[in-house]
Amino acid sequence: MRFGLFLILALILLGLTGPRGAAPAAPPSRLLVLGLPAWGPSWLEEEGRRIPAGCGPEAARLLLWYWDACLGLDLVRRAPQRALAELHRLMGTVTVLWEGVEQGLTWPWKFAQGLEAYVRAALPAARVHTLGAPLDELLQKAVELLARGNPPVLLFDWEGRGGLLPNHYALVVGYDLKERALVVNPGWGYPFQLVPLADPEVGPAQLFWLEGPGLAPAPTPLPAPPEECPRVRAYGTNAGFLPWCGARRAEGLGPGLIRLVWD
C-alpha cells in the first residue's frame, strides 16, 4: 500500500516538475505576405459628390480580400467597389478636412462594429478582436497572428502627425523583428510600408483581427521563393524602397497569395 502511494506521489511530482515538452520555436526573423492588391486612396460617390472612402474601410476590404483568397469566400472579391461602399456605411466613416485635404475618418469602435456586421452573413460565428497596448506588446501579438495566418489591421499615428489620436488604418502583411517593425499594406497605391514600432511617435496604436471557426489558412510549401525581391518602402515622408531578398521558404496561402519566410 505504501509503495503504491509513493508511486502515485512520484508521478504527480514528475508531472509538476518534469519536462513539459520542447520550448516554442522562435518566430522567423522576417515574414511577408505577397499578392494583395495595392489599392488606394479610393473614392466613393455619395449624393452626386465624390468623397474619400477612408483608410478604415480600405484596410477592412483588404483584410476580407485576404480571407476570400485563403478560404474561397466571396466577401469582397466579386464586387470590391460595392463592398467598400458598404463598409464605409457600416463603419459610419465621415469626411473631414485634414491638413487641407479631405479624408475619411472612422472611429475605432465603429471600425470593429462595422467589420463584424459586414462579415456576419457569411461568417456568423466570426468576431472582431481588438488589442490596445504598448507598442512592444502589439508587435509580439501581430507576429503571433501572422504566424497563424491571421493578419490584423493596425491603427496607428501615421508619421507622428496625429498627436494623441491615431489617424491611419492599414493591414499588417509582415514584420522585421530585428528592426522591431511591422510591414503594412498602407492603402496608398503600393503594397509594402515599414512601420517601426520602436518609434514611440507611431503610438498610440491598436490591433483588430477576426477570429472564428474555420478562419485558419492551410499553407502549402512552394518549391522556391519568387525570383524577384519584394520592395518595402522605408518609413518617412520621402523614404525610398528597400529590397527584401534572400527569403528561405515560400508557402502558398491561396490563389495568388504567397507567404515568404526568412529564418
Protein backbone atom coordinates (compact mmCIF):
# COMPACT_ATOMS: atom_id res chain seq x y z
CA MET A 1 0.00 0.00 0.00
CA ARG A 2 2.77 2.43 0.97
CA PHE A 3 4.64 1.61 -2.23
CA GLY A 4 1.53 2.41 -4.27
CA LEU A 5 1.09 5.77 -2.54
CA PHE A 6 4.75 6.55 -3.07
CA LEU A 7 4.47 5.72 -6.78
CA ILE A 8 1.41 7.96 -7.20
CA LEU A 9 3.14 10.83 -5.38
CA ALA A 10 6.25 10.42 -7.55
CA LEU A 11 4.19 10.52 -10.73
CA ILE A 12 2.40 13.68 -9.57
CA LEU A 13 5.69 15.39 -8.72
CA LEU A 14 7.14 14.35 -12.08
CA GLY A 15 4.15 15.88 -13.82
CA LEU A 16 4.64 19.13 -11.91
CA THR A 17 8.40 19.44 -12.20
CA GLY A 18 9.44 17.24 -15.11
CA PRO A 19 9.86 18.08 -18.78
CA ARG A 20 6.91 19.84 -20.35
CA GLY A 21 7.97 19.31 -23.95
CA ALA A 22 10.09 21.41 -26.24
CA ALA A 23 10.03 25.19 -25.89
CA PRO A 24 8.05 27.03 -28.58
CA ALA A 25 10.14 27.67 -31.67
CA ALA A 26 11.34 31.22 -32.14
CA PRO A 27 9.46 33.08 -34.87
CA PRO A 28 11.25 33.74 -38.17
CA SER A 29 13.24 36.97 -38.28
CA ARG A 30 11.15 38.28 -41.18
CA LEU A 31 7.84 37.41 -42.77
CA LEU A 32 5.96 38.94 -45.70
CA VAL A 33 2.67 38.12 -47.44
CA LEU A 34 2.62 38.80 -51.18
CA GLY A 35 -0.32 39.05 -53.56
CA LEU A 36 -2.78 41.52 -52.04
CA PRO A 37 -3.99 44.43 -54.20
CA ALA A 38 -2.17 47.76 -53.87
CA TRP A 39 -5.37 49.76 -53.60
CA GLY A 40 -5.98 53.34 -52.60
CA PRO A 41 -6.59 56.03 -51.93
CA SER A 42 -10.12 55.15 -53.06
CA TRP A 43 -13.15 57.35 -53.63
CA LEU A 44 -16.91 56.87 -53.43
CA GLU A 45 -19.94 58.67 -54.86
CA GLU A 46 -22.39 59.99 -52.28
CA GLU A 47 -25.41 62.06 -53.35
CA GLY A 48 -23.63 63.13 -56.51
CA ARG A 49 -20.46 64.12 -54.65
CA ARG A 50 -17.05 62.42 -54.73
CA ILE A 51 -15.87 61.60 -51.20
CA PRO A 52 -12.85 59.70 -49.81
CA ALA A 53 -13.61 56.11 -48.85
CA GLY A 54 -11.26 56.35 -45.88
CA CYS A 55 -8.42 54.15 -44.71
CA GLY A 56 -10.64 52.19 -42.29
CA PRO A 57 -12.95 50.71 -44.94
CA GLU A 58 -9.94 50.31 -47.26
CA ALA A 59 -7.98 48.27 -44.70
CA ALA A 60 -11.05 46.18 -43.88
CA ARG A 61 -11.62 45.44 -47.58
CA LEU A 62 -8.02 44.22 -47.91
CA LEU A 63 -8.42 42.01 -44.84
CA LEU A 64 -11.56 40.45 -46.30
CA TRP A 65 -9.88 40.01 -49.70
CA TYR A 66 -7.19 38.01 -47.87
CA TRP A 67 -9.79 35.70 -46.33
CA ASP A 68 -11.58 35.36 -49.68
CA ALA A 69 -8.35 34.11 -51.26
CA CYS A 70 -7.45 31.81 -48.36
CA LEU A 71 -10.85 30.22 -47.85
CA GLY A 72 -12.53 30.52 -51.25
CA LEU A 73 -15.11 33.01 -49.98
CA ASP A 74 -16.67 35.96 -51.78
CA LEU A 75 -16.83 38.65 -49.12
CA VAL A 76 -15.46 41.39 -51.38
CA ARG A 77 -13.74 39.95 -54.47
CA ARG A 78 -16.68 39.87 -56.87
CA ALA A 79 -17.73 43.48 -56.21
CA PRO A 80 -14.87 45.28 -54.43
CA GLN A 81 -16.24 48.80 -55.01
CA ARG A 82 -19.67 47.90 -53.69
CA ALA A 83 -18.03 46.20 -50.69
CA LEU A 84 -16.02 49.34 -49.98
CA ALA A 85 -19.15 51.49 -50.03
CA GLU A 86 -20.95 49.11 -47.67
CA LEU A 87 -18.02 49.01 -45.23
CA HIS A 88 -17.92 52.82 -45.35
CA ARG A 89 -21.63 52.92 -44.45
CA LEU A 90 -21.46 50.30 -41.69
CA MET A 91 -18.42 51.97 -40.11
CA GLY A 92 -20.03 55.39 -40.09
CA THR A 93 -16.98 56.89 -41.83
CA VAL A 94 -17.27 60.67 -42.12
CA THR A 95 -15.44 63.13 -44.36
CA VAL A 96 -13.16 65.60 -42.56
CA LEU A 97 -10.60 68.16 -43.67
CA TRP A 98 -7.07 67.14 -42.60
CA GLU A 99 -4.16 69.43 -43.49
CA GLY A 100 -6.24 70.92 -46.28
CA VAL A 101 -7.19 67.53 -47.81
CA GLU A 102 -10.48 65.67 -47.45
CA GLN A 103 -10.03 62.39 -45.55
CA GLY A 104 -12.35 59.64 -44.33
CA LEU A 105 -12.45 59.39 -40.52
CA THR A 106 -13.51 56.10 -38.88
CA TRP A 107 -13.68 55.85 -35.09
CA PRO A 108 -12.06 52.66 -33.69
CA TRP A 109 -15.20 51.28 -32.06
CA LYS A 110 -17.18 51.89 -35.25
CA PHE A 111 -14.47 50.12 -37.28
CA ALA A 112 -14.85 46.97 -35.15
CA GLN A 113 -18.65 47.12 -35.17
CA GLY A 114 -18.87 47.73 -38.91
CA LEU A 115 -16.42 44.97 -39.82
CA GLU A 116 -18.24 42.45 -37.65
CA ALA A 117 -21.61 43.47 -39.07
CA TYR A 118 -20.29 43.08 -42.63
CA VAL A 119 -18.95 39.53 -42.18
CA ARG A 120 -21.91 38.28 -40.15
CA ALA A 121 -23.91 36.98 -43.15
CA ALA A 122 -21.09 34.80 -44.49
CA LEU A 123 -19.32 34.03 -41.19
CA PRO A 124 -21.96 34.26 -38.45
CA ALA A 125 -19.61 33.00 -35.74
CA ALA A 126 -16.75 35.37 -36.61
CA ARG A 127 -15.94 38.12 -34.12
CA VAL A 128 -13.62 41.10 -34.24
CA HIS A 129 -10.96 41.08 -31.52
CA THR A 130 -9.05 44.20 -30.54
CA LEU A 131 -5.91 44.99 -28.59
CA GLY A 132 -4.72 48.38 -27.47
CA ALA A 133 -1.37 48.01 -25.72
CA PRO A 134 2.24 49.27 -25.60
CA LEU A 135 3.97 49.04 -28.96
CA ASP A 136 6.24 46.12 -27.98
CA GLU A 137 3.20 44.10 -26.95
CA LEU A 138 1.41 44.95 -30.20
CA LEU A 139 4.47 43.81 -32.17
CA GLN A 140 4.51 40.48 -30.32
CA LYS A 141 0.77 39.95 -30.90
CA ALA A 142 1.00 40.83 -34.59
CA VAL A 143 3.87 38.35 -35.06
CA GLU A 144 1.82 35.65 -33.34
CA LEU A 145 -1.22 36.34 -35.51
CA LEU A 146 0.79 36.34 -38.75
CA ALA A 147 2.35 33.02 -37.78
CA ARG A 148 -1.21 31.64 -37.62
CA GLY A 149 -2.06 33.18 -40.99
CA ASN A 150 -4.42 35.68 -39.36
CA PRO A 151 -3.26 39.19 -40.35
CA PRO A 152 -4.53 42.08 -38.19
CA VAL A 153 -5.34 45.65 -39.07
CA LEU A 154 -3.11 48.21 -37.36
CA LEU A 155 -4.47 51.60 -36.28
CA PHE A 156 -1.55 53.93 -35.59
CA ASP A 157 -0.33 57.52 -35.73
CA TRP A 158 0.82 57.92 -39.35
CA GLU A 159 4.27 59.57 -39.26
CA GLY A 160 3.58 61.03 -35.82
CA ARG A 161 1.20 63.68 -37.12
CA GLY A 162 -1.94 62.79 -35.19
CA GLY A 163 -0.79 63.55 -31.66
CA LEU A 164 -2.94 61.62 -29.20
CA LEU A 165 -5.32 60.49 -31.97
CA PRO A 166 -4.29 57.51 -34.15
CA ASN A 167 -5.07 58.51 -37.70
CA HIS A 168 -4.43 55.63 -40.08
CA TYR A 169 -5.65 52.04 -40.54
CA ALA A 170 -3.56 49.57 -42.55
CA LEU A 171 -3.48 45.79 -42.95
CA VAL A 172 -0.40 44.15 -41.43
CA VAL A 173 1.24 41.86 -44.01
CA GLY A 174 4.66 41.22 -42.46
CA TYR A 175 7.29 42.12 -39.91
CA ASP A 176 11.01 42.54 -39.29
CA LEU A 177 11.95 41.53 -35.76
CA LYS A 178 15.48 42.91 -35.98
CA GLU A 179 14.08 46.38 -36.75
CA ARG A 180 11.09 45.92 -34.40
CA ALA A 181 8.89 46.93 -37.30
CA LEU A 182 5.65 45.79 -38.90
CA VAL A 183 5.03 45.86 -42.64
CA VAL A 184 1.63 47.14 -43.72
CA ASN A 185 -0.23 47.45 -46.98
CA PRO A 186 -0.85 51.18 -46.46
CA GLY A 187 -3.67 51.82 -48.91
CA TRP A 188 -1.62 54.40 -50.80
CA GLY A 189 -1.18 52.53 -54.09
CA TYR A 190 1.91 50.47 -53.21
CA PRO A 191 1.92 47.16 -51.32
CA PHE A 192 4.53 47.38 -48.54
CA GLN A 193 5.38 50.06 -45.96
CA LEU A 194 7.53 49.67 -42.84
CA VAL A 195 6.06 50.95 -39.57
CA PRO A 196 8.75 51.00 -36.83
CA LEU A 197 7.13 50.09 -33.53
CA ALA A 198 10.44 51.05 -31.94
CA ASP A 199 9.42 54.68 -32.64
CA PRO A 200 7.06 55.92 -29.90
CA GLU A 201 5.62 58.53 -32.28
CA VAL A 202 3.60 55.86 -34.11
CA GLY A 203 1.61 55.29 -30.92
CA PRO A 204 -0.94 55.12 -29.54
CA ALA A 205 -1.82 52.08 -31.62
CA GLN A 206 -4.35 49.26 -31.74
CA LEU A 207 -4.83 45.92 -33.50
CA PHE A 208 -8.06 44.46 -34.94
CA TRP A 209 -8.46 40.92 -36.24
CA LEU A 210 -11.10 38.30 -36.97
CA GLU A 211 -11.50 35.08 -35.00
CA GLY A 212 -13.94 32.27 -35.60
CA PRO A 213 -14.39 28.64 -36.68
CA GLY A 214 -12.58 27.87 -39.91
CA LEU A 215 -10.62 31.13 -40.01
CA ALA A 216 -7.29 29.38 -40.49
CA PRO A 217 -5.46 29.00 -43.81
CA ALA A 218 -3.68 25.78 -44.73
CA PRO A 219 -0.22 26.82 -46.03
CA THR A 220 1.33 24.63 -48.72
CA PRO A 221 5.12 24.62 -49.25
CA LEU A 222 6.29 26.02 -52.58
CA PRO A 223 9.41 24.78 -54.40
CA ALA A 224 11.19 28.14 -54.11
CA PRO A 225 10.53 31.81 -53.35
CA PRO A 226 9.81 34.12 -56.30
CA GLU A 227 12.93 35.29 -58.11
CA GLU A 228 12.06 38.97 -57.84
CA CYS A 229 12.76 40.58 -54.46
CA PRO A 230 9.82 42.41 -52.87
CA ARG A 231 10.43 46.12 -52.30
CA VAL A 232 9.34 47.54 -48.96
CA ARG A 233 9.06 51.28 -48.50
CA ALA A 234 11.03 52.66 -45.57
CA TYR A 235 9.27 54.85 -43.03
CA GLY A 236 9.17 58.58 -43.69
CA THR A 237 7.53 61.07 -46.00
CA ASN A 238 10.23 60.93 -48.68
CA ALA A 239 11.56 57.45 -47.95
CA GLY A 240 12.72 55.10 -50.67
CA PHE A 241 12.11 51.38 -51.15
CA LEU A 242 14.26 48.62 -49.64
CA PRO A 243 14.71 45.27 -51.45
CA TRP A 244 13.83 42.29 -49.28
CA CYS A 245 15.86 39.46 -50.82
CA GLY A 246 17.02 36.09 -49.59
CA ALA A 247 13.80 34.54 -48.31
CA ARG A 248 14.47 30.95 -47.26
CA ARG A 249 10.99 29.50 -47.66
CA ALA A 250 7.78 30.23 -49.53
CA GLU A 251 4.28 28.97 -48.77
CA GLY A 252 1.05 29.27 -50.70
CA LEU A 253 -1.92 30.57 -48.71
CA GLY A 254 -4.45 30.65 -51.53
CA PRO A 255 -4.77 31.72 -55.18
CA GLY A 256 -2.19 34.46 -55.70
CA LEU A 257 -1.17 34.65 -52.03
CA ILE A 258 2.39 33.73 -51.02
CA ARG A 259 4.00 33.92 -47.58
CA LEU A 260 7.77 34.45 -47.56
CA VAL A 261 9.80 33.47 -44.50
CA TRP A 262 13.32 34.43 -43.51
CA ASP A 263 14.78 32.10 -40.83
